[in-house]
Amino acid sequence: MFIKQNNSLIFIFGILITLIISALLLFELYVGIIKSGWVFSCVSNYYTNIIFIVPALVSVGKISGFELQIYYILLLVAVVACVGYLFYRAIKPTKALINGDKEPIKNTALFEVAVLFSALYFFEFILTLVLKACGVNMGTLPQRETWQWMFDLLEASVWEEIITRVLYLGVPMMIVYAITKNNELPLWRYPFGGFKMNTTALIFIIFSAFMFGAGHLTNWGWWKFIPTFIFGLIAGYLFVKYGVYATIAIHFLTDYISAETWLTGNSAIITMLLLIVVLALAIPYFFIYLKRGFLFIKNTFMNEKLNPPETD
């Protein structure tokens, strides 16, 4: 009885987290949309490097002027589509939850994006305290105009996922299945994610997470590899279980967390208060996913039966 009550309380925490994160995500999307005209006009005199991670950052070309404006619109459309699909997929499970069935909602991308983002936020909070206590210089963000941040982080939310999840995880899985002919889905589906977890997928999740972490060493320093590698593992899991729409959504959620400041020009007080609440609620989910992650990896490399971890 105690365990069941405890699991029920953890589930309630998860629902509260999902509600808060959903509100934050929709607010970020709102800011991105209403500021899009301003950003669109500003980027006409800007340029961006199209980069790959090998694992160092390598520029393969530049986009500027009108082409960059079109590129920006495509990025925004991609994020709107992914976030919209994230919520669309949660409609039926939400109706089931209202009718008393809580199981479907726990296996939606929206729920897992919310609790995994929150668990990662808790981890990064602890990591920051430890690094500062050890005297590690974590640096400061470069000075940029707000519209530059909005463009650069929007681009990162989409392009970095295309590189590290689609090209370094989905495409290799497609190639493996094309060779082995053991695919259960049409081959074209694999680059978009949403397939079954197995040993090969886990290996490419770790590889793509390593590349993602390594790609952040250039501008941040060695310490940044730790949280970005963990983020890469989370994004890889979401990619395999749900698809690229979930990874773009969680990346956008993470990168646009300063949306309140961009909108008001003041400190993001409301966002910070909500994140404090989320941080406290996320503690049990941090340990749940940590335990299940280790057990899943252990069982995978022991060639035991593979099943993706699920939340309580």
C-alpha atoms as a PDB file:
ATOM      1  CA  MET A   1       0.000   0.000   0.000  1.00  0.00           C
ATOM      2  CA  PHE A   2       2.807   2.427   0.864  1.00  0.00           C
ATOM      3  CA  ILE A   3       4.588   1.751  -2.448  1.00  0.00           C
ATOM      4  CA  LYS A   4       1.359   2.251  -4.384  1.00  0.00           C
ATOM      5  CA  GLN A   5       0.649   5.520  -2.574  1.00  0.00           C
ATOM      6  CA  ASN A   6       4.237   6.627  -3.159  1.00  0.00           C
ATOM      7  CA  ASN A   7       3.964   5.845  -6.874  1.00  0.00           C
ATOM      8  CA  SER A   8       0.704   7.775  -7.010  1.00  0.00           C
ATOM      9  CA  LEU A   9       2.388  10.777  -5.422  1.00  0.00           C
ATOM     10  CA  ILE A  10       5.266  10.577  -7.905  1.00  0.00           C
ATOM     11  CA  PHE A  11       2.746  10.426 -10.748  1.00  0.00           C
ATOM     12  CA  ILE A  12       1.038  13.544  -9.396  1.00  0.00           C
ATOM     13  CA  PHE A  13       4.465  15.223  -9.348  1.00  0.00           C
ATOM     14  CA  GLY A  14       4.862  14.203 -12.987  1.00  0.00           C
ATOM     15  CA  ILE A  15       1.505  15.694 -13.961  1.00  0.00           C
ATOM     16  CA  LEU A  16       2.335  18.953 -12.172  1.00  0.00           C
ATOM     17  CA  ILE A  17       5.706  19.059 -13.936  1.00  0.00           C
ATOM     18  CA  THR A  18       4.004  18.419 -17.277  1.00  0.00           C
ATOM     19  CA  LEU A  19       1.518  21.238 -16.712  1.00  0.00           C
ATOM     20  CA  ILE A  20       4.260  23.705 -15.772  1.00  0.00           C
ATOM     21  CA  ILE A  21       6.595  22.693 -18.588  1.00  0.00           C
ATOM     22  CA  SER A  22       3.726  22.759 -21.086  1.00  0.00           C
ATOM     23  CA  ALA A  23       2.956  26.327 -20.051  1.00  0.00           C
ATOM     24  CA  LEU A  24       6.619  27.314 -20.374  1.00  0.00           C
ATOM     25  CA  LEU A  25       6.946  25.636 -23.757  1.00  0.00           C
ATOM     26  CA  LEU A  26       3.827  27.310 -25.142  1.00  0.00           C
ATOM     27  CA  PHE A  27       4.984  30.663 -23.781  1.00  0.00           C
ATOM     28  CA  GLU A  28       8.378  30.226 -25.445  1.00  0.00           C
ATOM     29  CA  LEU A  29       6.660  29.386 -28.712  1.00  0.00           C
ATOM     30  CA  TYR A  30       4.423  32.451 -28.323  1.00  0.00           C
ATOM     31  CA  VAL A  31       7.467  34.700 -27.839  1.00  0.00           C
ATOM     32  CA  GLY A  32       9.217  33.112 -30.801  1.00  0.00           C
ATOM     33  CA  ILE A  33       6.199  33.755 -33.031  1.00  0.00           C
ATOM     34  CA  ILE A  34       5.314  37.316 -31.988  1.00  0.00           C
ATOM     35  CA  LYS A  35       8.972  38.360 -32.247  1.00  0.00           C
ATOM     36  CA  SER A  36       9.462  36.596 -35.579  1.00  0.00           C
ATOM     37  CA  GLY A  37       8.802  39.711 -37.697  1.00  0.00           C
ATOM     38  CA  TRP A  38      11.498  41.617 -35.837  1.00  0.00           C
ATOM     39  CA  VAL A  39      14.001  38.747 -36.084  1.00  0.00           C
ATOM     40  CA  PHE A  40      13.131  38.248 -39.758  1.00  0.00           C
ATOM     41  CA  SER A  41      13.983  41.857 -40.571  1.00  0.00           C
ATOM     42  CA  CYS A  42      17.195  41.821 -38.518  1.00  0.00           C
ATOM     43  CA  VAL A  43      18.692  38.658 -40.030  1.00  0.00           C
ATOM     44  CA  SER A  44      18.752  40.237 -43.491  1.00  0.00           C
ATOM     45  CA  ASN A  45      22.069  41.828 -42.455  1.00  0.00           C
ATOM     46  CA  TYR A  46      23.297  38.735 -40.598  1.00  0.00           C
ATOM     47  CA  TYR A  47      24.885  35.434 -41.590  1.00  0.00           C
ATOM     48  CA  THR A  48      25.145  31.966 -40.136  1.00  0.00           C
ATOM     49  CA  ASN A  49      27.646  29.177 -40.646  1.00  0.00           C
ATOM     50  CA  ILE A  50      26.247  25.788 -41.568  1.00  0.00           C
ATOM     51  CA  ILE A  51      28.218  23.508 -39.279  1.00  0.00           C
ATOM     52  CA  PHE A  52      28.832  19.800 -38.831  1.00  0.00           C
ATOM     53  CA  ILE A  53      30.268  18.052 -35.798  1.00  0.00           C
ATOM     54  CA  VAL A  54      33.155  15.673 -36.582  1.00  0.00           C
ATOM     55  CA  PRO A  55      33.507  15.970 -33.474  1.00  0.00           C
ATOM     56  CA  ALA A  56      35.014  19.467 -33.757  1.00  0.00           C
ATOM     57  CA  LEU A  57      32.782  22.109 -35.303  1.00  0.00           C
ATOM     58  CA  VAL A  58      33.389  22.406 -39.039  1.00  0.00           C
ATOM     59  CA  SER A  59      31.783  25.080 -41.200  1.00  0.00           C
ATOM     60  CA  VAL A  60      30.681  23.881 -44.638  1.00  0.00           C
ATOM     61  CA  GLY A  61      29.186  27.146 -45.855  1.00  0.00           C
ATOM     62  CA  LYS A  62      27.397  30.358 -45.002  1.00  0.00           C
ATOM     63  CA  ILE A  63      23.878  31.667 -45.463  1.00  0.00           C
ATOM     64  CA  SER A  64      23.061  35.364 -45.472  1.00  0.00           C
ATOM     65  CA  GLY A  65      20.613  37.946 -46.771  1.00  0.00           C
ATOM     66  CA  PHE A  66      17.261  36.836 -48.184  1.00  0.00           C
ATOM     67  CA  GLU A  67      18.303  33.161 -48.106  1.00  0.00           C
ATOM     68  CA  LEU A  68      18.906  33.479 -44.367  1.00  0.00           C
ATOM     69  CA  GLN A  69      15.454  34.977 -43.901  1.00  0.00           C
ATOM     70  CA  ILE A  70      13.907  32.009 -45.704  1.00  0.00           C
ATOM     71  CA  TYR A  71      16.061  29.669 -43.611  1.00  0.00           C
ATOM     72  CA  TYR A  72      14.819  31.379 -40.431  1.00  0.00           C
ATOM     73  CA  ILE A  73      11.179  30.935 -41.453  1.00  0.00           C
ATOM     74  CA  LEU A  74      11.806  27.245 -42.176  1.00  0.00           C
ATOM     75  CA  LEU A  75      13.382  26.820 -38.735  1.00  0.00           C
ATOM     76  CA  LEU A  76      10.418  28.503 -37.055  1.00  0.00           C
ATOM     77  CA  VAL A  77       7.927  26.398 -39.013  1.00  0.00           C
ATOM     78  CA  ALA A  78       9.824  23.240 -38.015  1.00  0.00           C
ATOM     79  CA  VAL A  79       9.686  24.138 -34.321  1.00  0.00           C
ATOM     80  CA  VAL A  80       5.993  25.097 -34.463  1.00  0.00           C
ATOM     81  CA  ALA A  81       5.204  21.817 -36.228  1.00  0.00           C
ATOM     82  CA  CYS A  82       7.187  19.721 -33.739  1.00  0.00           C
ATOM     83  CA  VAL A  83       5.725  21.397 -30.650  1.00  0.00           C
ATOM     84  CA  GLY A  84       2.236  21.244 -32.150  1.00  0.00           C
ATOM     85  CA  TYR A  85       2.627  17.528 -32.863  1.00  0.00           C
ATOM     86  CA  LEU A  86       3.963  16.987 -29.346  1.00  0.00           C
ATOM     87  CA  PHE A  87       0.692  18.320 -27.897  1.00  0.00           C
ATOM     88  CA  TYR A  88      -1.455  16.662 -30.549  1.00  0.00           C
ATOM     89  CA  ARG A  89      -0.096  13.236 -29.600  1.00  0.00           C
ATOM     90  CA  ALA A  90      -1.055  13.883 -25.976  1.00  0.00           C
ATOM     91  CA  ILE A  91      -4.740  14.658 -26.634  1.00  0.00           C
ATOM     92  CA  LYS A  92      -6.121  11.110 -26.410  1.00  0.00           C
ATOM     93  CA  PRO A  93      -3.966  10.131 -23.387  1.00  0.00           C
ATOM     94  CA  THR A  94      -5.118  13.329 -21.657  1.00  0.00           C
ATOM     95  CA  LYS A  95      -8.752  12.389 -22.263  1.00  0.00           C
ATOM     96  CA  ALA A  96      -7.982   8.932 -20.852  1.00  0.00           C
ATOM     97  CA  LEU A  97      -6.425  10.554 -17.782  1.00  0.00           C
ATOM     98  CA  ILE A  98      -9.559  12.634 -17.221  1.00  0.00           C
ATOM     99  CA  ASN A  99     -11.544   9.384 -17.357  1.00  0.00           C
ATOM    100  CA  GLY A 100      -9.298   7.836 -14.695  1.00  0.00           C
ATOM    101  CA  ASP A 101      -6.735   5.930 -16.787  1.00  0.00           C
ATOM    102  CA  LYS A 102      -3.282   7.335 -16.019  1.00  0.00           C
ATOM    103  CA  GLU A 103      -1.183   4.798 -17.947  1.00  0.00           C
ATOM    104  CA  PRO A 104      -1.421   6.271 -21.486  1.00  0.00           C
ATOM    105  CA  ILE A 105      -0.224   9.742 -20.466  1.00  0.00           C
ATOM    106  CA  LYS A 106       2.969   8.333 -18.953  1.00  0.00           C
ATOM    107  CA  ASN A 107       4.086   7.073 -22.350  1.00  0.00           C
ATOM    108  CA  THR A 108       3.533  10.275 -24.273  1.00  0.00           C
ATOM    109  CA  ALA A 109       6.392  12.391 -25.548  1.00  0.00           C
ATOM    110  CA  LEU A 110       4.909  15.414 -23.767  1.00  0.00           C
ATOM    111  CA  PHE A 111       5.047  13.745 -20.345  1.00  0.00           C
ATOM    112  CA  GLU A 112       8.542  12.355 -20.840  1.00  0.00           C
ATOM    113  CA  VAL A 113       9.900  15.560 -22.366  1.00  0.00           C
ATOM    114  CA  ALA A 114       8.619  17.400 -19.281  1.00  0.00           C
ATOM    115  CA  VAL A 115       9.951  15.044 -16.600  1.00  0.00           C
ATOM    116  CA  LEU A 116      13.266  14.409 -18.377  1.00  0.00           C
ATOM    117  CA  PHE A 117      13.852  18.130 -18.911  1.00  0.00           C
ATOM    118  CA  SER A 118      13.125  18.670 -15.218  1.00  0.00           C
ATOM    119  CA  ALA A 119      15.379  15.812 -14.118  1.00  0.00           C
ATOM    120  CA  LEU A 120      18.166  17.244 -16.290  1.00  0.00           C
ATOM    121  CA  TYR A 121      17.578  20.681 -14.782  1.00  0.00           C
ATOM    122  CA  PHE A 122      17.974  19.164 -11.300  1.00  0.00           C
ATOM    123  CA  PHE A 123      21.212  17.461 -12.393  1.00  0.00           C
ATOM    124  CA  GLU A 124      22.598  20.671 -13.887  1.00  0.00           C
ATOM    125  CA  PHE A 125      21.717  22.564 -10.703  1.00  0.00           C
ATOM    126  CA  ILE A 126      23.715  20.096  -8.585  1.00  0.00           C
ATOM    127  CA  LEU A 127      26.564  20.038 -11.127  1.00  0.00           C
ATOM    128  CA  THR A 128      26.783  23.841 -11.102  1.00  0.00           C
ATOM    129  CA  LEU A 129      26.996  23.898  -7.301  1.00  0.00           C
ATOM    130  CA  VAL A 130      29.773  21.279  -7.337  1.00  0.00           C
ATOM    131  CA  LEU A 131      31.795  22.994 -10.080  1.00  0.00           C
ATOM    132  CA  LYS A 132      31.555  26.384  -8.397  1.00  0.00           C
ATOM    133  CA  ALA A 133      32.555  24.850  -5.062  1.00  0.00           C
ATOM    134  CA  CYS A 134      35.606  23.387  -6.816  1.00  0.00           C
ATOM    135  CA  GLY A 135      36.519  26.793  -8.224  1.00  0.00           C
ATOM    136  CA  VAL A 136      35.811  25.926 -11.860  1.00  0.00           C
ATOM    137  CA  ASN A 137      35.498  28.996 -14.069  1.00  0.00           C
ATOM    138  CA  MET A 138      32.279  28.417 -15.997  1.00  0.00           C
ATOM    139  CA  GLY A 139      32.614  31.582 -18.058  1.00  0.00           C
ATOM    140  CA  THR A 140      29.870  33.942 -19.139  1.00  0.00           C
ATOM    141  CA  LEU A 141      27.621  34.200 -22.153  1.00  0.00           C
ATOM    142  CA  PRO A 142      28.884  36.398 -25.007  1.00  0.00           C
ATOM    143  CA  GLN A 143      27.228  39.764 -25.562  1.00  0.00           C
ATOM    144  CA  ARG A 144      24.665  39.574 -28.341  1.00  0.00           C
ATOM    145  CA  GLU A 145      21.510  41.339 -29.374  1.00  0.00           C
ATOM    146  CA  THR A 146      18.262  39.654 -28.345  1.00  0.00           C
ATOM    147  CA  TRP A 147      17.315  38.921 -31.966  1.00  0.00           C
ATOM    148  CA  GLN A 148      20.688  37.203 -32.454  1.00  0.00           C
ATOM    149  CA  TRP A 149      20.044  34.928 -29.478  1.00  0.00           C
ATOM    150  CA  MET A 150      16.564  34.179 -30.773  1.00  0.00           C
ATOM    151  CA  PHE A 151      17.871  33.231 -34.201  1.00  0.00           C
ATOM    152  CA  ASP A 152      20.963  31.325 -33.076  1.00  0.00           C
ATOM    153  CA  LEU A 153      19.106  29.274 -30.461  1.00  0.00           C
ATOM    154  CA  LEU A 154      16.223  28.558 -32.820  1.00  0.00           C
ATOM    155  CA  GLU A 155      18.748  27.295 -35.344  1.00  0.00           C
ATOM    156  CA  ALA A 156      20.465  25.175 -32.690  1.00  0.00           C
ATOM    157  CA  SER A 157      17.139  23.615 -31.678  1.00  0.00           C
ATOM    158  CA  VAL A 158      16.616  22.278 -35.199  1.00  0.00           C
ATOM    159  CA  TRP A 159      19.982  21.987 -36.921  1.00  0.00           C
ATOM    160  CA  GLU A 160      21.832  20.357 -34.001  1.00  0.00           C
ATOM    161  CA  GLU A 161      19.083  17.736 -33.798  1.00  0.00           C
ATOM    162  CA  ILE A 162      19.342  17.066 -37.522  1.00  0.00           C
ATOM    163  CA  ILE A 163      23.094  16.530 -37.189  1.00  0.00           C
ATOM    164  CA  THR A 164      23.332  14.548 -33.977  1.00  0.00           C
ATOM    165  CA  ARG A 165      20.041  12.656 -33.899  1.00  0.00           C
ATOM    166  CA  VAL A 166      19.017  12.277 -37.557  1.00  0.00           C
ATOM    167  CA  LEU A 167      22.471  11.918 -39.159  1.00  0.00           C
ATOM    168  CA  TYR A 168      24.333  10.234 -36.289  1.00  0.00           C
ATOM    169  CA  LEU A 169      21.526   8.030 -34.983  1.00  0.00           C
ATOM    170  CA  GLY A 170      18.617   7.654 -37.383  1.00  0.00           C
ATOM    171  CA  VAL A 171      20.581   7.300 -40.620  1.00  0.00           C
ATOM    172  CA  PRO A 172      23.064   4.736 -39.188  1.00  0.00           C
ATOM    173  CA  MET A 173      20.104   2.690 -37.924  1.00  0.00           C
ATOM    174  CA  MET A 174      18.596   2.785 -41.419  1.00  0.00           C
ATOM    175  CA  ILE A 175      21.893   1.601 -42.902  1.00  0.00           C
ATOM    176  CA  VAL A 176      22.192  -1.227 -40.362  1.00  0.00           C
ATOM    177  CA  TYR A 177      18.672  -2.442 -41.124  1.00  0.00           C
ATOM    178  CA  ALA A 178      19.233  -2.087 -44.863  1.00  0.00           C
ATOM    179  CA  ILE A 179      22.210  -4.441 -44.537  1.00  0.00           C
ATOM    180  CA  THR A 180      20.710  -6.911 -42.046  1.00  0.00           C
ATOM    181  CA  LYS A 181      17.162  -6.716 -43.452  1.00  0.00           C
ATOM    182  CA  ASN A 182      15.775  -7.082 -39.916  1.00  0.00           C
ATOM    183  CA  ASN A 183      13.777  -3.872 -40.061  1.00  0.00           C
ATOM    184  CA  GLU A 184      10.210  -3.854 -38.750  1.00  0.00           C
ATOM    185  CA  LEU A 185       9.483  -0.415 -40.264  1.00  0.00           C
ATOM    186  CA  PRO A 186       9.990   0.969 -43.775  1.00  0.00           C
ATOM    187  CA  LEU A 187      13.623   2.051 -44.057  1.00  0.00           C
ATOM    188  CA  TRP A 188      12.694   5.687 -44.734  1.00  0.00           C
ATOM    189  CA  ARG A 189      11.132   5.924 -41.259  1.00  0.00           C
ATOM    190  CA  TYR A 190      14.369   5.389 -39.317  1.00  0.00           C
ATOM    191  CA  PRO A 191      15.986   8.819 -39.944  1.00  0.00           C
ATOM    192  CA  PHE A 192      12.909  10.378 -38.287  1.00  0.00           C
ATOM    193  CA  GLY A 193      13.082   8.175 -35.178  1.00  0.00           C
ATOM    194  CA  GLY A 194      10.282   6.387 -33.372  1.00  0.00           C
ATOM    195  CA  PHE A 195      11.508   2.808 -33.658  1.00  0.00           C
ATOM    196  CA  LYS A 196      12.280  -0.043 -31.267  1.00  0.00           C
ATOM    197  CA  MET A 197      15.145   0.182 -28.786  1.00  0.00           C
ATOM    198  CA  ASN A 198      17.877  -2.431 -29.144  1.00  0.00           C
ATOM    199  CA  THR A 199      21.626  -2.833 -28.640  1.00  0.00           C
ATOM    200  CA  THR A 200      22.497  -1.119 -31.932  1.00  0.00           C
ATOM    201  CA  ALA A 201      20.238   1.832 -31.139  1.00  0.00           C
ATOM    202  CA  LEU A 202      21.830   2.195 -27.689  1.00  0.00           C
ATOM    203  CA  ILE A 203      25.321   2.242 -29.204  1.00  0.00           C
ATOM    204  CA  PHE A 204      24.331   5.014 -31.628  1.00  0.00           C
ATOM    205  CA  ILE A 205      22.567   6.924 -28.840  1.00  0.00           C
ATOM    206  CA  ILE A 206      25.835   6.987 -26.894  1.00  0.00           C
ATOM    207  CA  PHE A 207      27.797   7.901 -30.033  1.00  0.00           C
ATOM    208  CA  SER A 208      25.428  10.747 -30.970  1.00  0.00           C
ATOM    209  CA  ALA A 209      25.460  12.013 -27.368  1.00  0.00           C
ATOM    210  CA  PHE A 210      29.268  12.037 -27.408  1.00  0.00           C
ATOM    211  CA  MET A 211      29.311  14.000 -30.662  1.00  0.00           C
ATOM    212  CA  PHE A 212      26.739  16.429 -29.288  1.00  0.00           C
ATOM    213  CA  GLY A 213      28.801  16.987 -26.132  1.00  0.00           C
ATOM    214  CA  ALA A 214      32.048  17.328 -28.086  1.00  0.00           C
ATOM    215  CA  GLY A 215      30.454  19.930 -30.333  1.00  0.00           C
ATOM    216  CA  HIS A 216      29.968  22.217 -27.315  1.00  0.00           C
ATOM    217  CA  LEU A 217      33.611  22.118 -26.172  1.00  0.00           C
ATOM    218  CA  THR A 218      34.771  24.776 -28.614  1.00  0.00           C
ATOM    219  CA  ASN A 219      32.796  27.683 -27.197  1.00  0.00           C
ATOM    220  CA  TRP A 220      32.295  26.618 -23.575  1.00  0.00           C
ATOM    221  CA  GLY A 221      35.114  24.532 -22.114  1.00  0.00           C
ATOM    222  CA  TRP A 222      35.500  20.997 -20.803  1.00  0.00           C
ATOM    223  CA  TRP A 223      32.796  21.237 -18.136  1.00  0.00           C
ATOM    224  CA  LYS A 224      30.069  21.783 -20.742  1.00  0.00           C
ATOM    225  CA  PHE A 225      30.617  18.276 -22.103  1.00  0.00           C
ATOM    226  CA  ILE A 226      28.996  16.723 -19.022  1.00  0.00           C
ATOM    227  CA  PRO A 227      25.498  18.283 -19.192  1.00  0.00           C
ATOM    228  CA  THR A 228      25.422  18.259 -23.000  1.00  0.00           C
ATOM    229  CA  PHE A 229      26.383  14.574 -23.098  1.00  0.00           C
ATOM    230  CA  ILE A 230      23.574  13.789 -20.634  1.00  0.00           C
ATOM    231  CA  PHE A 231      21.199  15.894 -22.711  1.00  0.00           C
ATOM    232  CA  GLY A 232      22.340  13.894 -25.742  1.00  0.00           C
ATOM    233  CA  LEU A 233      21.457  10.620 -24.022  1.00  0.00           C
ATOM    234  CA  ILE A 234      18.016  11.973 -23.133  1.00  0.00           C
ATOM    235  CA  ALA A 235      17.439  13.304 -26.647  1.00  0.00           C
ATOM    236  CA  GLY A 236      18.621   9.997 -28.119  1.00  0.00           C
ATOM    237  CA  TYR A 237      16.157   8.083 -25.957  1.00  0.00           C
ATOM    238  CA  LEU A 238      13.319  10.407 -26.987  1.00  0.00           C
ATOM    239  CA  PHE A 239      14.355  10.120 -30.643  1.00  0.00           C
ATOM    240  CA  VAL A 240      14.306   6.336 -30.589  1.00  0.00           C
ATOM    241  CA  LYS A 241      11.056   6.037 -28.645  1.00  0.00           C
ATOM    242  CA  TYR A 242       9.059   8.899 -30.168  1.00  0.00           C
ATOM    243  CA  GLY A 243      10.859  10.617 -33.016  1.00  0.00           C
ATOM    244  CA  VAL A 244      12.736  13.747 -33.976  1.00  0.00           C
ATOM    245  CA  TYR A 245       9.760  15.971 -33.129  1.00  0.00           C
ATOM    246  CA  ALA A 246      10.276  15.200 -29.430  1.00  0.00           C
ATOM    247  CA  THR A 247      14.004  15.997 -29.532  1.00  0.00           C
ATOM    248  CA  ILE A 248      13.469  19.302 -31.334  1.00  0.00           C
ATOM    249  CA  ALA A 249      10.769  20.187 -28.801  1.00  0.00           C
ATOM    250  CA  ILE A 250      12.981  19.508 -25.752  1.00  0.00           C
ATOM    251  CA  HIS A 251      15.921  21.305 -27.392  1.00  0.00           C
ATOM    252  CA  PHE A 252      13.753  24.352 -28.106  1.00  0.00           C
ATOM    253  CA  LEU A 253      12.366  24.224 -24.554  1.00  0.00           C
ATOM    254  CA  THR A 254      15.912  24.257 -23.197  1.00  0.00           C
ATOM    255  CA  ASP A 255      17.344  26.943 -25.490  1.00  0.00           C
ATOM    256  CA  TYR A 256      14.406  29.372 -25.293  1.00  0.00           C
ATOM    257  CA  ILE A 257      14.216  29.351 -21.509  1.00  0.00           C
ATOM    258  CA  SER A 258      15.086  33.093 -21.515  1.00  0.00           C
ATOM    259  CA  ALA A 259      11.928  33.947 -23.479  1.00  0.00           C
ATOM    260  CA  GLU A 260      10.460  35.964 -20.609  1.00  0.00           C
ATOM    261  CA  THR A 261      13.495  38.251 -20.552  1.00  0.00           C
ATOM    262  CA  TRP A 262      13.415  38.608 -24.334  1.00  0.00           C
ATOM    263  CA  LEU A 263       9.752  39.624 -24.186  1.00  0.00           C
ATOM    264  CA  THR A 264       9.797  42.001 -21.215  1.00  0.00           C
ATOM    265  CA  GLY A 265      13.413  43.155 -21.100  1.00  0.00           C
ATOM    266  CA  ASN A 266      13.442  42.381 -17.376  1.00  0.00           C
ATOM    267  CA  SER A 267      14.606  39.473 -15.243  1.00  0.00           C
ATOM    268  CA  ALA A 268      12.697  36.241 -15.857  1.00  0.00           C
ATOM    269  CA  ILE A 269      11.184  36.130 -12.368  1.00  0.00           C
ATOM    270  CA  ILE A 270       8.112  34.047 -13.207  1.00  0.00           C
ATOM    271  CA  THR A 271      10.173  31.551 -15.210  1.00  0.00           C
ATOM    272  CA  MET A 272      12.673  31.180 -12.379  1.00  0.00           C
ATOM    273  CA  LEU A 273       9.926  30.611  -9.798  1.00  0.00           C
ATOM    274  CA  LEU A 274       8.346  27.936 -11.980  1.00  0.00           C
ATOM    275  CA  LEU A 275      11.719  26.267 -12.516  1.00  0.00           C
ATOM    276  CA  ILE A 276      12.330  26.178  -8.763  1.00  0.00           C
ATOM    277  CA  VAL A 277       9.029  24.350  -8.319  1.00  0.00           C
ATOM    278  CA  VAL A 278       9.915  21.991 -11.170  1.00  0.00           C
ATOM    279  CA  LEU A 279      13.361  21.372  -9.691  1.00  0.00           C
ATOM    280  CA  ALA A 280      11.851  20.191  -6.406  1.00  0.00           C
ATOM    281  CA  LEU A 281       9.216  18.009  -8.081  1.00  0.00           C
ATOM    282  CA  ALA A 282      11.816  16.444 -10.409  1.00  0.00           C
ATOM    283  CA  ILE A 283      13.982  14.889  -7.665  1.00  0.00           C
ATOM    284  CA  PRO A 284      12.241  11.467  -7.669  1.00  0.00           C
ATOM    285  CA  TYR A 285      12.260  11.349 -11.470  1.00  0.00           C
ATOM    286  CA  PHE A 286      15.990  12.036 -11.522  1.00  0.00           C
ATOM    287  CA  PHE A 287      16.620   8.897  -9.481  1.00  0.00           C
ATOM    288  CA  ILE A 288      13.975   6.859 -11.325  1.00  0.00           C
ATOM    289  CA  TYR A 289      15.546   7.517 -14.721  1.00  0.00           C
ATOM    290  CA  LEU A 290      19.082   7.191 -13.362  1.00  0.00           C
ATOM    291  CA  LYS A 291      18.318   3.729 -11.972  1.00  0.00           C
ATOM    292  CA  ARG A 292      16.411   2.549 -15.016  1.00  0.00           C
ATOM    293  CA  GLY A 293      19.049   3.904 -17.356  1.00  0.00           C
ATOM    294  CA  PHE A 294      21.812   1.958 -15.638  1.00  0.00           C
ATOM    295  CA  LEU A 295      19.695  -1.207 -15.483  1.00  0.00           C
ATOM    296  CA  PHE A 296      18.706  -0.889 -19.123  1.00  0.00           C
ATOM    297  CA  ILE A 297      22.305  -0.430 -20.265  1.00  0.00           C
ATOM    298  CA  LYS A 298      23.421  -3.345 -18.083  1.00  0.00           C
ATOM    299  CA  ASN A 299      20.710  -5.625 -19.417  1.00  0.00           C
ATOM    300  CA  THR A 300      21.379  -4.554 -22.981  1.00  0.00           C
ATOM    301  CA  PHE A 301      25.046  -5.460 -22.938  1.00  0.00           C
ATOM    302  CA  MET A 302      24.237  -8.695 -21.106  1.00  0.00           C
ATOM    303  CA  ASN A 303      22.005  -9.567 -24.086  1.00  0.00           C
ATOM    304  CA  GLU A 304      18.900  -9.767 -21.945  1.00  0.00           C
ATOM    305  CA  LYS A 305      15.461  -8.965 -23.258  1.00  0.00           C
ATOM    306  CA  LEU A 306      15.279  -5.301 -24.249  1.00  0.00           C
ATOM    307  CA  ASN A 307      12.447  -3.030 -23.275  1.00  0.00           C
ATOM    308  CA  PRO A 308      12.580   0.789 -23.147  1.00  0.00           C
ATOM    309  CA  PRO A 309      12.370   2.150 -19.577  1.00  0.00           C
ATOM    310  CA  GLU A 310       9.055   3.634 -18.552  1.00  0.00           C
ATOM    311  CA  THR A 311       8.240   6.140 -15.850  1.00  0.00           C
ATOM    312  CA  ASP A 312       6.392   5.355 -12.676  1.00  0.00           C
END
